């Protein structure tokens, strides 16, 4: 979704158009948009503000790269993404769904251990300081859904590639429901 309500932004889509189509949710800050399309925290903040303004529920993705994790910068990266992404909308965080997606686990087959994911989810909650929903997204598949969803800090999952296989997706939905 583009942060402007309307206009000539080839390759982007208006949030108002999404609403007109019946969409209720929009993913903002996904790692592919950050790392491939160059969306920074300022752009993501604009998109979050627009989505809130027009009544779309944002799924706000945050997460660190493998290098950042190896250099023990996970908390620093998450803090920066939260602080900058939520600038001037702190009072509306209850309207946002947060998704921790470790970039190093997306499409790689690697997955954060349930303990690693729960630790980051806990950290996100301490930074936001308000009741929020936090999903885990990072190579969620039928083989790991049980252990991930068993963690009390993990409110649900953001499924990527596994959603393309009906059997895999059905297993994930069945278990996490």
N, C-alpha and C. Protein backbone atom coordinates (compact mmCIF):
# COMPACT_ATOMS: atom_id res chain seq x y z
N UNK A 1 0.84 -1.17 0.00
CA UNK A 1 0.00 0.00 0.00
C UNK A 1 0.88 1.24 0.00
N UNK A 2 0.52 2.22 -0.81
CA UNK A 2 1.25 3.49 -0.82
C UNK A 2 0.72 4.36 0.31
N UNK A 3 1.55 5.26 0.82
CA UNK A 3 1.13 6.10 1.95
C UNK A 3 0.20 7.24 1.53
N UNK A 4 0.20 7.62 0.24
CA UNK A 4 -0.72 8.65 -0.21
C UNK A 4 -2.09 8.01 -0.45
N UNK A 5 -3.14 8.76 -0.16
CA UNK A 5 -4.50 8.25 -0.33
C UNK A 5 -4.82 7.96 -1.80
N UNK A 6 -4.30 8.79 -2.70
CA UNK A 6 -4.55 8.59 -4.13
C UNK A 6 -3.46 9.32 -4.91
N UNK A 7 -3.42 9.06 -6.20
CA UNK A 7 -2.44 9.73 -7.05
C UNK A 7 -1.79 8.76 -8.01
N UNK A 8 -0.93 9.29 -8.84
CA UNK A 8 -0.24 8.50 -9.86
C UNK A 8 1.05 7.93 -9.27
N UNK A 9 0.96 6.74 -8.73
CA UNK A 9 2.11 6.06 -8.12
C UNK A 9 2.20 4.67 -8.73
N UNK A 10 2.65 4.62 -9.97
CA UNK A 10 2.70 3.37 -10.73
C UNK A 10 3.42 2.28 -9.93
N UNK A 11 2.79 1.13 -9.88
CA UNK A 11 3.37 -0.01 -9.16
C UNK A 11 2.95 -0.07 -7.71
N UNK A 12 2.26 0.94 -7.25
CA UNK A 12 1.77 0.99 -5.86
C UNK A 12 0.25 0.93 -5.89
N UNK A 13 -0.35 0.78 -4.73
CA UNK A 13 -1.81 0.72 -4.66
C UNK A 13 -2.28 1.60 -3.51
N UNK A 14 -3.38 2.25 -3.71
CA UNK A 14 -3.97 3.14 -2.71
C UNK A 14 -4.69 2.33 -1.64
N UNK A 15 -4.52 2.77 -0.40
CA UNK A 15 -5.26 2.15 0.70
C UNK A 15 -6.75 2.29 0.53
N UNK A 16 -7.19 3.40 -0.03
CA UNK A 16 -8.63 3.59 -0.29
C UNK A 16 -9.14 2.57 -1.30
N UNK A 17 -8.31 2.25 -2.29
CA UNK A 17 -8.68 1.24 -3.28
C UNK A 17 -8.79 -0.13 -2.59
N UNK A 18 -7.85 -0.43 -1.71
CA UNK A 18 -7.91 -1.69 -0.97
C UNK A 18 -9.21 -1.78 -0.16
N UNK A 19 -9.56 -0.68 0.51
CA UNK A 19 -10.80 -0.63 1.29
C UNK A 19 -12.01 -0.87 0.38
N UNK A 20 -12.02 -0.22 -0.79
CA UNK A 20 -13.13 -0.36 -1.73
C UNK A 20 -13.27 -1.81 -2.21
N UNK A 21 -12.15 -2.52 -2.27
CA UNK A 21 -12.19 -3.94 -2.65
C UNK A 21 -12.66 -4.85 -1.52
N UNK A 22 -12.78 -4.28 -0.32
CA UNK A 22 -13.23 -5.07 0.82
C UNK A 22 -12.10 -5.54 1.72
N UNK A 23 -10.89 -5.11 1.46
CA UNK A 23 -9.77 -5.50 2.32
C UNK A 23 -9.95 -4.86 3.70
N UNK A 24 -9.57 -5.61 4.71
CA UNK A 24 -9.62 -5.10 6.08
C UNK A 24 -8.22 -4.97 6.67
N UNK A 25 -7.28 -5.73 6.13
CA UNK A 25 -5.92 -5.79 6.66
C UNK A 25 -4.93 -5.43 5.57
N UNK A 26 -3.76 -4.92 6.00
CA UNK A 26 -2.68 -4.64 5.06
C UNK A 26 -1.36 -4.94 5.78
N UNK A 27 -0.45 -5.61 5.08
CA UNK A 27 0.88 -5.91 5.62
C UNK A 27 1.78 -4.72 5.32
N UNK A 28 2.40 -4.18 6.36
CA UNK A 28 3.28 -3.02 6.21
C UNK A 28 4.63 -3.33 6.86
N UNK A 29 5.70 -3.02 6.16
CA UNK A 29 7.04 -3.22 6.71
C UNK A 29 7.61 -4.61 6.46
N UNK A 30 6.99 -5.39 5.58
CA UNK A 30 7.51 -6.73 5.31
C UNK A 30 8.96 -6.63 4.85
N UNK A 31 9.74 -7.61 5.23
CA UNK A 31 11.18 -7.57 4.95
C UNK A 31 11.49 -7.42 3.46
N UNK A 32 10.69 -8.00 2.59
CA UNK A 32 10.94 -7.85 1.16
C UNK A 32 10.77 -6.39 0.74
N UNK A 33 9.78 -5.71 1.30
CA UNK A 33 9.59 -4.29 0.98
C UNK A 33 10.74 -3.45 1.56
N UNK A 34 11.19 -3.82 2.74
CA UNK A 34 12.29 -3.08 3.36
C UNK A 34 13.59 -3.30 2.58
N UNK A 35 13.92 -4.55 2.31
CA UNK A 35 15.24 -4.88 1.78
C UNK A 35 15.33 -4.88 0.26
N UNK A 36 14.26 -5.19 -0.43
CA UNK A 36 14.30 -5.21 -1.89
C UNK A 36 13.82 -3.87 -2.46
N UNK A 37 12.73 -3.33 -1.88
CA UNK A 37 12.15 -2.10 -2.40
C UNK A 37 12.68 -0.84 -1.71
N UNK A 38 13.51 -1.02 -0.69
CA UNK A 38 14.14 0.11 -0.03
C UNK A 38 13.25 0.93 0.89
N UNK A 39 12.16 0.34 1.35
CA UNK A 39 11.29 1.07 2.26
C UNK A 39 11.98 1.20 3.62
N UNK A 40 12.12 2.42 4.08
CA UNK A 40 12.76 2.65 5.37
C UNK A 40 11.70 2.91 6.45
N UNK A 41 12.16 3.14 7.67
CA UNK A 41 11.24 3.33 8.79
C UNK A 41 10.32 4.53 8.57
N UNK A 42 10.82 5.57 7.92
CA UNK A 42 9.99 6.76 7.67
C UNK A 42 8.83 6.44 6.73
N UNK A 43 9.10 5.71 5.68
CA UNK A 43 8.05 5.31 4.74
C UNK A 43 7.04 4.41 5.45
N UNK A 44 7.56 3.48 6.23
CA UNK A 44 6.67 2.56 6.95
C UNK A 44 5.78 3.33 7.92
N UNK A 45 6.33 4.33 8.59
CA UNK A 45 5.55 5.17 9.49
C UNK A 45 4.42 5.88 8.72
N UNK A 46 4.73 6.42 7.55
CA UNK A 46 3.71 7.08 6.74
C UNK A 46 2.59 6.10 6.37
N UNK A 47 2.98 4.89 5.99
CA UNK A 47 1.99 3.88 5.61
C UNK A 47 1.12 3.49 6.81
N UNK A 48 1.74 3.32 7.98
CA UNK A 48 0.96 2.99 9.17
C UNK A 48 -0.04 4.09 9.50
N UNK A 49 0.39 5.33 9.39
CA UNK A 49 -0.51 6.46 9.66
C UNK A 49 -1.68 6.48 8.68
N UNK A 50 -1.39 6.25 7.41
CA UNK A 50 -2.46 6.25 6.40
C UNK A 50 -3.42 5.11 6.64
N UNK A 51 -2.90 3.93 6.92
CA UNK A 51 -3.77 2.79 7.17
C UNK A 51 -4.68 3.06 8.37
N UNK A 52 -4.13 3.60 9.44
CA UNK A 52 -4.94 3.95 10.61
C UNK A 52 -6.00 4.98 10.24
N UNK A 53 -5.61 5.97 9.47
CA UNK A 53 -6.51 7.05 9.10
C UNK A 53 -7.71 6.56 8.28
N UNK A 54 -7.48 5.59 7.40
CA UNK A 54 -8.57 5.12 6.55
C UNK A 54 -9.25 3.85 7.09
N UNK A 55 -8.77 3.35 8.22
CA UNK A 55 -9.44 2.22 8.85
C UNK A 55 -9.00 0.84 8.42
N UNK A 56 -7.81 0.72 7.86
CA UNK A 56 -7.26 -0.60 7.57
C UNK A 56 -6.47 -1.07 8.79
N UNK A 57 -6.54 -2.34 9.09
CA UNK A 57 -5.77 -2.90 10.19
C UNK A 57 -4.40 -3.28 9.65
N UNK A 58 -3.37 -2.69 10.22
CA UNK A 58 -2.00 -2.96 9.77
C UNK A 58 -1.41 -4.16 10.47
N UNK A 59 -0.74 -4.99 9.70
CA UNK A 59 0.13 -6.02 10.24
C UNK A 59 1.53 -5.46 10.04
N UNK A 60 2.11 -4.95 11.13
CA UNK A 60 3.38 -4.22 11.12
C UNK A 60 4.52 -5.21 11.34
N UNK A 61 5.29 -5.46 10.28
CA UNK A 61 6.38 -6.44 10.33
C UNK A 61 7.68 -5.78 10.77
N UNK A 62 8.35 -6.46 11.69
CA UNK A 62 9.65 -6.02 12.18
C UNK A 62 10.55 -7.23 12.33
N UNK A 63 11.84 -7.04 12.16
CA UNK A 63 12.76 -8.15 12.33
C UNK A 63 14.16 -7.81 11.86
N UNK A 64 15.09 -8.64 12.27
CA UNK A 64 16.51 -8.42 12.00
C UNK A 64 17.04 -9.38 10.95
N UNK A 65 18.15 -8.98 10.32
CA UNK A 65 18.82 -9.85 9.35
C UNK A 65 19.68 -10.86 10.11
N UNK A 66 20.20 -11.82 9.38
CA UNK A 66 21.08 -12.83 10.00
C UNK A 66 22.34 -12.17 10.57
N UNK A 67 22.90 -11.22 9.82
CA UNK A 67 24.11 -10.53 10.28
C UNK A 67 23.82 -9.76 11.57
N UNK A 68 22.68 -9.08 11.62
CA UNK A 68 22.32 -8.33 12.82
C UNK A 68 22.12 -9.26 14.02
N UNK A 69 21.55 -10.44 13.79
CA UNK A 69 21.38 -11.40 14.88
C UNK A 69 22.74 -11.90 15.35
N UNK A 70 23.60 -12.26 14.39
CA UNK A 70 24.94 -12.75 14.75
C UNK A 70 25.74 -11.71 15.53
N UNK A 71 25.52 -10.44 15.21
CA UNK A 71 26.23 -9.35 15.90
C UNK A 71 25.49 -8.91 17.17
N UNK A 72 24.47 -9.70 17.56
CA UNK A 72 23.68 -9.45 18.76
C UNK A 72 23.04 -8.06 18.76
N UNK A 73 22.51 -7.67 17.59
CA UNK A 73 21.87 -6.37 17.44
C UNK A 73 20.35 -6.49 17.32
N UNK A 74 19.80 -7.66 17.60
CA UNK A 74 18.37 -7.87 17.44
C UNK A 74 17.56 -6.82 18.20
N UNK A 75 17.83 -6.63 19.48
CA UNK A 75 17.05 -5.68 20.27
C UNK A 75 17.22 -4.26 19.77
N UNK A 76 18.41 -3.90 19.35
CA UNK A 76 18.65 -2.56 18.81
C UNK A 76 17.81 -2.34 17.55
N UNK A 77 17.83 -3.31 16.64
CA UNK A 77 17.09 -3.20 15.38
C UNK A 77 15.59 -3.12 15.65
N UNK A 78 15.09 -4.00 16.50
CA UNK A 78 13.66 -4.01 16.83
C UNK A 78 13.26 -2.69 17.48
N UNK A 79 14.08 -2.19 18.40
CA UNK A 79 13.79 -0.91 19.06
C UNK A 79 13.69 0.22 18.05
N UNK A 80 14.64 0.27 17.13
CA UNK A 80 14.64 1.32 16.11
C UNK A 80 13.41 1.23 15.23
N UNK A 81 13.08 0.01 14.79
CA UNK A 81 11.93 -0.16 13.92
C UNK A 81 10.64 0.23 14.64
N UNK A 82 10.53 -0.11 15.91
CA UNK A 82 9.34 0.26 16.68
C UNK A 82 9.28 1.77 16.91
N UNK A 83 10.37 2.35 17.36
CA UNK A 83 10.39 3.78 17.67
C UNK A 83 10.07 4.61 16.43
N UNK A 84 10.74 4.32 15.33
CA UNK A 84 10.53 5.11 14.12
C UNK A 84 9.22 4.77 13.41
N UNK A 85 8.87 3.50 13.40
CA UNK A 85 7.63 3.09 12.74
C UNK A 85 6.39 3.61 13.44
N UNK A 86 6.45 3.72 14.76
CA UNK A 86 5.28 4.13 15.54
C UNK A 86 5.30 5.62 15.91
N UNK A 87 6.21 6.37 15.34
CA UNK A 87 6.34 7.80 15.66
C UNK A 87 5.00 8.51 15.44
N UNK A 88 4.56 9.21 16.45
CA UNK A 88 3.33 10.01 16.43
C UNK A 88 2.05 9.18 16.34
N UNK A 89 2.14 7.87 16.54
CA UNK A 89 0.93 7.05 16.57
C UNK A 89 0.93 6.10 17.77
N UNK A 90 1.73 6.43 18.77
CA UNK A 90 1.87 5.57 19.95
C UNK A 90 0.53 5.28 20.62
N UNK A 91 -0.40 6.25 20.58
CA UNK A 91 -1.69 6.07 21.23
C UNK A 91 -2.63 5.14 20.47
N UNK A 92 -2.24 4.75 19.25
CA UNK A 92 -3.10 3.89 18.45
C UNK A 92 -2.52 2.49 18.22
N UNK A 93 -1.49 2.15 18.98
CA UNK A 93 -0.83 0.84 18.76
C UNK A 93 -1.77 -0.34 18.97
N UNK A 94 -2.82 -0.14 19.78
CA UNK A 94 -3.78 -1.22 20.01
C UNK A 94 -4.55 -1.59 18.74
N UNK A 95 -4.49 -0.74 17.72
CA UNK A 95 -5.16 -1.00 16.45
C UNK A 95 -4.24 -1.70 15.44
N UNK A 96 -3.02 -1.97 15.85
CA UNK A 96 -2.02 -2.56 14.96
C UNK A 96 -1.69 -3.98 15.43
N UNK A 97 -1.52 -4.88 14.48
CA UNK A 97 -1.04 -6.23 14.77
C UNK A 97 0.46 -6.23 14.45
N UNK A 98 1.27 -6.68 15.39
CA UNK A 98 2.71 -6.72 15.20
C UNK A 98 3.11 -8.12 14.73
N UNK A 99 4.07 -8.19 13.83
CA UNK A 99 4.56 -9.48 13.36
C UNK A 99 6.08 -9.47 13.41
N UNK A 100 6.62 -10.33 14.27
CA UNK A 100 8.07 -10.48 14.31
C UNK A 100 8.45 -11.47 13.22
N UNK A 101 9.19 -10.98 12.23
CA UNK A 101 9.65 -11.85 11.15
C UNK A 101 11.15 -11.71 11.02
N UNK A 102 11.89 -12.63 11.66
CA UNK A 102 13.34 -12.58 11.50
C UNK A 102 13.68 -12.78 10.02
N UNK A 103 14.34 -11.80 9.44
CA UNK A 103 14.62 -11.83 8.01
C UNK A 103 15.40 -13.09 7.64
N UNK A 104 16.27 -13.52 8.54
CA UNK A 104 17.11 -14.68 8.28
C UNK A 104 16.31 -15.98 8.22
N UNK A 105 15.04 -15.93 8.61
CA UNK A 105 14.22 -17.14 8.61
C UNK A 105 13.16 -17.14 7.52
N UNK A 106 13.12 -16.11 6.69
CA UNK A 106 12.07 -16.02 5.68
C UNK A 106 12.53 -16.67 4.39
N UNK A 107 11.81 -17.72 4.02
CA UNK A 107 12.11 -18.42 2.78
C UNK A 107 13.41 -19.19 2.79
N UNK A 108 14.04 -19.29 3.95
CA UNK A 108 15.33 -19.96 4.04
C UNK A 108 15.21 -21.39 4.56
N UNK A 109 14.05 -21.69 5.14
CA UNK A 109 13.90 -22.97 5.81
C UNK A 109 14.37 -22.93 7.24
N UNK A 110 15.10 -21.87 7.61
CA UNK A 110 15.52 -21.68 9.00
C UNK A 110 14.35 -21.08 9.77
N UNK A 111 14.26 -21.43 11.01
CA UNK A 111 13.20 -20.87 11.85
C UNK A 111 13.80 -20.51 13.19
N UNK A 112 13.37 -19.40 13.73
CA UNK A 112 13.78 -19.09 15.10
C UNK A 112 13.25 -20.20 15.99
N UNK A 113 14.01 -20.57 16.99
CA UNK A 113 13.49 -21.56 17.93
C UNK A 113 12.31 -20.91 18.65
N UNK A 114 11.40 -21.72 19.18
CA UNK A 114 10.29 -21.14 19.93
C UNK A 114 10.79 -20.21 21.04
N UNK A 115 11.89 -20.59 21.69
CA UNK A 115 12.45 -19.76 22.76
C UNK A 115 12.95 -18.42 22.21
N UNK A 116 13.66 -18.44 21.08
CA UNK A 116 14.15 -17.20 20.47
C UNK A 116 12.99 -16.29 20.09
N UNK A 117 11.98 -16.86 19.46
CA UNK A 117 10.82 -16.08 19.04
C UNK A 117 10.11 -15.48 20.26
N UNK A 118 9.91 -16.28 21.29
CA UNK A 118 9.22 -15.80 22.49
C UNK A 118 10.00 -14.67 23.16
N UNK A 119 11.33 -14.78 23.17
CA UNK A 119 12.15 -13.71 23.76
C UNK A 119 11.96 -12.39 23.02
N UNK A 120 11.94 -12.44 21.69
CA UNK A 120 11.76 -11.21 20.92
C UNK A 120 10.35 -10.68 21.09
N UNK A 121 9.37 -11.56 21.11
CA UNK A 121 7.98 -11.13 21.33
C UNK A 121 7.86 -10.42 22.68
N UNK A 122 8.49 -10.99 23.69
CA UNK A 122 8.47 -10.37 25.02
C UNK A 122 9.13 -8.99 24.98
N UNK A 123 10.25 -8.90 24.26
CA UNK A 123 10.95 -7.63 24.12
C UNK A 123 10.06 -6.59 23.43
N UNK A 124 9.37 -7.00 22.37
CA UNK A 124 8.46 -6.09 21.66
C UNK A 124 7.40 -5.56 22.62
N UNK A 125 6.81 -6.44 23.41
CA UNK A 125 5.77 -6.02 24.36
C UNK A 125 6.33 -5.02 25.38
N UNK A 126 7.57 -5.24 25.84
CA UNK A 126 8.14 -4.32 26.83
C UNK A 126 8.42 -2.96 26.20
N UNK A 127 8.75 -2.92 24.94
CA UNK A 127 9.01 -1.65 24.25
C UNK A 127 7.72 -0.89 23.95
N UNK A 128 6.67 -1.60 23.58
CA UNK A 128 5.41 -0.95 23.22
C UNK A 128 4.64 -0.52 24.47
N UNK A 129 4.73 -1.31 25.52
CA UNK A 129 4.16 -0.97 26.83
C UNK A 129 2.64 -0.87 26.85
N UNK A 130 1.98 -1.50 25.90
CA UNK A 130 0.51 -1.54 25.86
C UNK A 130 0.11 -2.93 25.40
N UNK A 131 -1.09 -3.37 25.73
CA UNK A 131 -1.53 -4.69 25.26
C UNK A 131 -1.60 -4.72 23.72
N UNK A 132 -0.89 -5.66 23.14
CA UNK A 132 -0.84 -5.79 21.68
C UNK A 132 -0.87 -7.26 21.29
N UNK A 133 -1.14 -7.50 20.02
CA UNK A 133 -1.06 -8.84 19.43
C UNK A 133 0.25 -8.93 18.68
N UNK A 134 1.00 -10.02 18.94
CA UNK A 134 2.28 -10.22 18.25
C UNK A 134 2.27 -11.60 17.61
N UNK A 135 2.44 -11.60 16.29
CA UNK A 135 2.50 -12.84 15.51
C UNK A 135 3.96 -13.19 15.23
N UNK A 136 4.21 -14.47 14.93
CA UNK A 136 5.54 -14.89 14.47
C UNK A 136 5.44 -15.23 12.99
N UNK A 137 6.37 -14.71 12.20
CA UNK A 137 6.42 -15.03 10.78
C UNK A 137 7.85 -15.29 10.36
N UNK A 138 8.17 -16.47 10.01
CA UNK A 138 9.53 -16.80 9.57
C UNK A 138 9.64 -18.29 9.34
N UNK A 139 9.32 -18.74 8.14
CA UNK A 139 9.35 -20.17 7.80
C UNK A 139 8.44 -20.99 8.71
N UNK A 140 7.24 -20.49 8.92
CA UNK A 140 6.23 -21.26 9.66
C UNK A 140 5.77 -22.39 8.75
N UNK A 141 5.76 -23.60 9.29
CA UNK A 141 5.35 -24.77 8.51
C UNK A 141 4.71 -25.80 9.43
N UNK A 142 4.08 -26.82 8.87
CA UNK A 142 3.42 -27.81 9.71
C UNK A 142 4.34 -28.46 10.74
N UNK A 143 5.62 -28.58 10.39
CA UNK A 143 6.57 -29.25 11.29
C UNK A 143 6.91 -28.42 12.53
N UNK A 144 6.70 -27.10 12.49
CA UNK A 144 7.07 -26.30 13.66
C UNK A 144 5.92 -25.53 14.29
N UNK A 145 4.73 -25.60 13.71
CA UNK A 145 3.62 -24.81 14.22
C UNK A 145 3.29 -25.20 15.67
N UNK A 146 3.34 -26.48 15.99
CA UNK A 146 2.99 -26.93 17.34
C UNK A 146 3.86 -26.26 18.41
N UNK A 147 5.17 -26.30 18.20
CA UNK A 147 6.07 -25.75 19.21
C UNK A 147 6.04 -24.23 19.24
N UNK A 148 5.84 -23.59 18.10
CA UNK A 148 5.77 -22.13 18.09
C UNK A 148 4.53 -21.63 18.82
N UNK A 149 3.40 -22.19 18.48
CA UNK A 149 2.13 -21.71 19.04
C UNK A 149 1.99 -22.09 20.52
N UNK A 150 2.80 -23.04 20.97
CA UNK A 150 2.76 -23.43 22.39
C UNK A 150 3.36 -22.34 23.29
N UNK A 151 4.15 -21.44 22.73
CA UNK A 151 4.74 -20.35 23.50
C UNK A 151 3.67 -19.30 23.81
N UNK A 152 3.53 -18.97 25.08
CA UNK A 152 2.46 -18.03 25.47
C UNK A 152 2.67 -16.63 24.89
N UNK A 153 3.89 -16.25 24.57
CA UNK A 153 4.16 -14.93 23.99
C UNK A 153 3.75 -14.83 22.52
N UNK A 154 3.57 -15.97 21.86
CA UNK A 154 3.24 -15.99 20.44
C UNK A 154 1.72 -16.09 20.30
N UNK A 155 1.12 -15.00 19.79
CA UNK A 155 -0.34 -14.93 19.68
C UNK A 155 -0.88 -15.60 18.42
N UNK A 156 -0.03 -15.87 17.46
CA UNK A 156 -0.44 -16.47 16.20
C UNK A 156 0.73 -16.40 15.24
N UNK A 157 0.47 -16.75 13.99
CA UNK A 157 1.54 -16.79 13.01
C UNK A 157 1.16 -16.05 11.73
N UNK A 158 2.18 -15.55 11.06
CA UNK A 158 2.05 -14.92 9.75
C UNK A 158 2.69 -15.91 8.78
N UNK A 159 1.87 -16.57 8.00
CA UNK A 159 2.33 -17.67 7.16
C UNK A 159 2.70 -17.15 5.77
N UNK A 160 3.86 -17.55 5.29
CA UNK A 160 4.32 -17.15 3.96
C UNK A 160 4.20 -18.30 2.98
N UNK A 161 5.35 -18.87 2.63
CA UNK A 161 5.42 -19.91 1.60
C UNK A 161 4.54 -21.12 1.87
N UNK A 162 4.37 -21.49 3.13
CA UNK A 162 3.54 -22.67 3.44
C UNK A 162 2.08 -22.45 3.06
N UNK A 163 1.67 -21.21 2.88
CA UNK A 163 0.28 -20.94 2.49
C UNK A 163 0.02 -21.28 1.02
N UNK A 164 1.09 -21.51 0.27
CA UNK A 164 0.94 -21.86 -1.14
C UNK A 164 0.63 -23.34 -1.35
N UNK A 165 0.81 -24.14 -0.32
CA UNK A 165 0.50 -25.57 -0.38
C UNK A 165 -0.75 -25.81 0.46
N UNK A 166 -1.87 -26.16 -0.17
CA UNK A 166 -3.13 -26.30 0.57
C UNK A 166 -3.05 -27.24 1.77
N UNK A 167 -2.35 -28.36 1.63
CA UNK A 167 -2.26 -29.31 2.74
C UNK A 167 -1.46 -28.72 3.91
N UNK A 168 -0.33 -28.10 3.58
CA UNK A 168 0.49 -27.48 4.62
C UNK A 168 -0.29 -26.38 5.34
N UNK A 169 -0.92 -25.53 4.55
CA UNK A 169 -1.65 -24.41 5.12
C UNK A 169 -2.81 -24.90 5.99
N UNK A 170 -3.52 -25.90 5.52
CA UNK A 170 -4.63 -26.44 6.30
C UNK A 170 -4.16 -26.99 7.64
N UNK A 171 -3.03 -27.65 7.66
CA UNK A 171 -2.47 -28.18 8.91
C UNK A 171 -2.13 -27.03 9.87
N UNK A 172 -1.55 -25.96 9.35
CA UNK A 172 -1.18 -24.82 10.18
C UNK A 172 -2.43 -24.16 10.74
N UNK A 173 -3.42 -23.94 9.89
CA UNK A 173 -4.66 -23.30 10.33
C UNK A 173 -5.37 -24.18 11.35
N UNK A 174 -5.41 -25.47 11.11
CA UNK A 174 -6.09 -26.39 12.03
C UNK A 174 -5.45 -26.36 13.41
N UNK A 175 -4.11 -26.37 13.44
CA UNK A 175 -3.45 -26.39 14.74
C UNK A 175 -3.51 -25.07 15.47
N UNK A 176 -3.41 -23.98 14.75
CA UNK A 176 -3.34 -22.68 15.41
C UNK A 176 -4.70 -22.08 15.70
N UNK A 177 -5.76 -22.74 15.32
CA UNK A 177 -7.11 -22.21 15.57
C UNK A 177 -7.55 -22.42 17.00
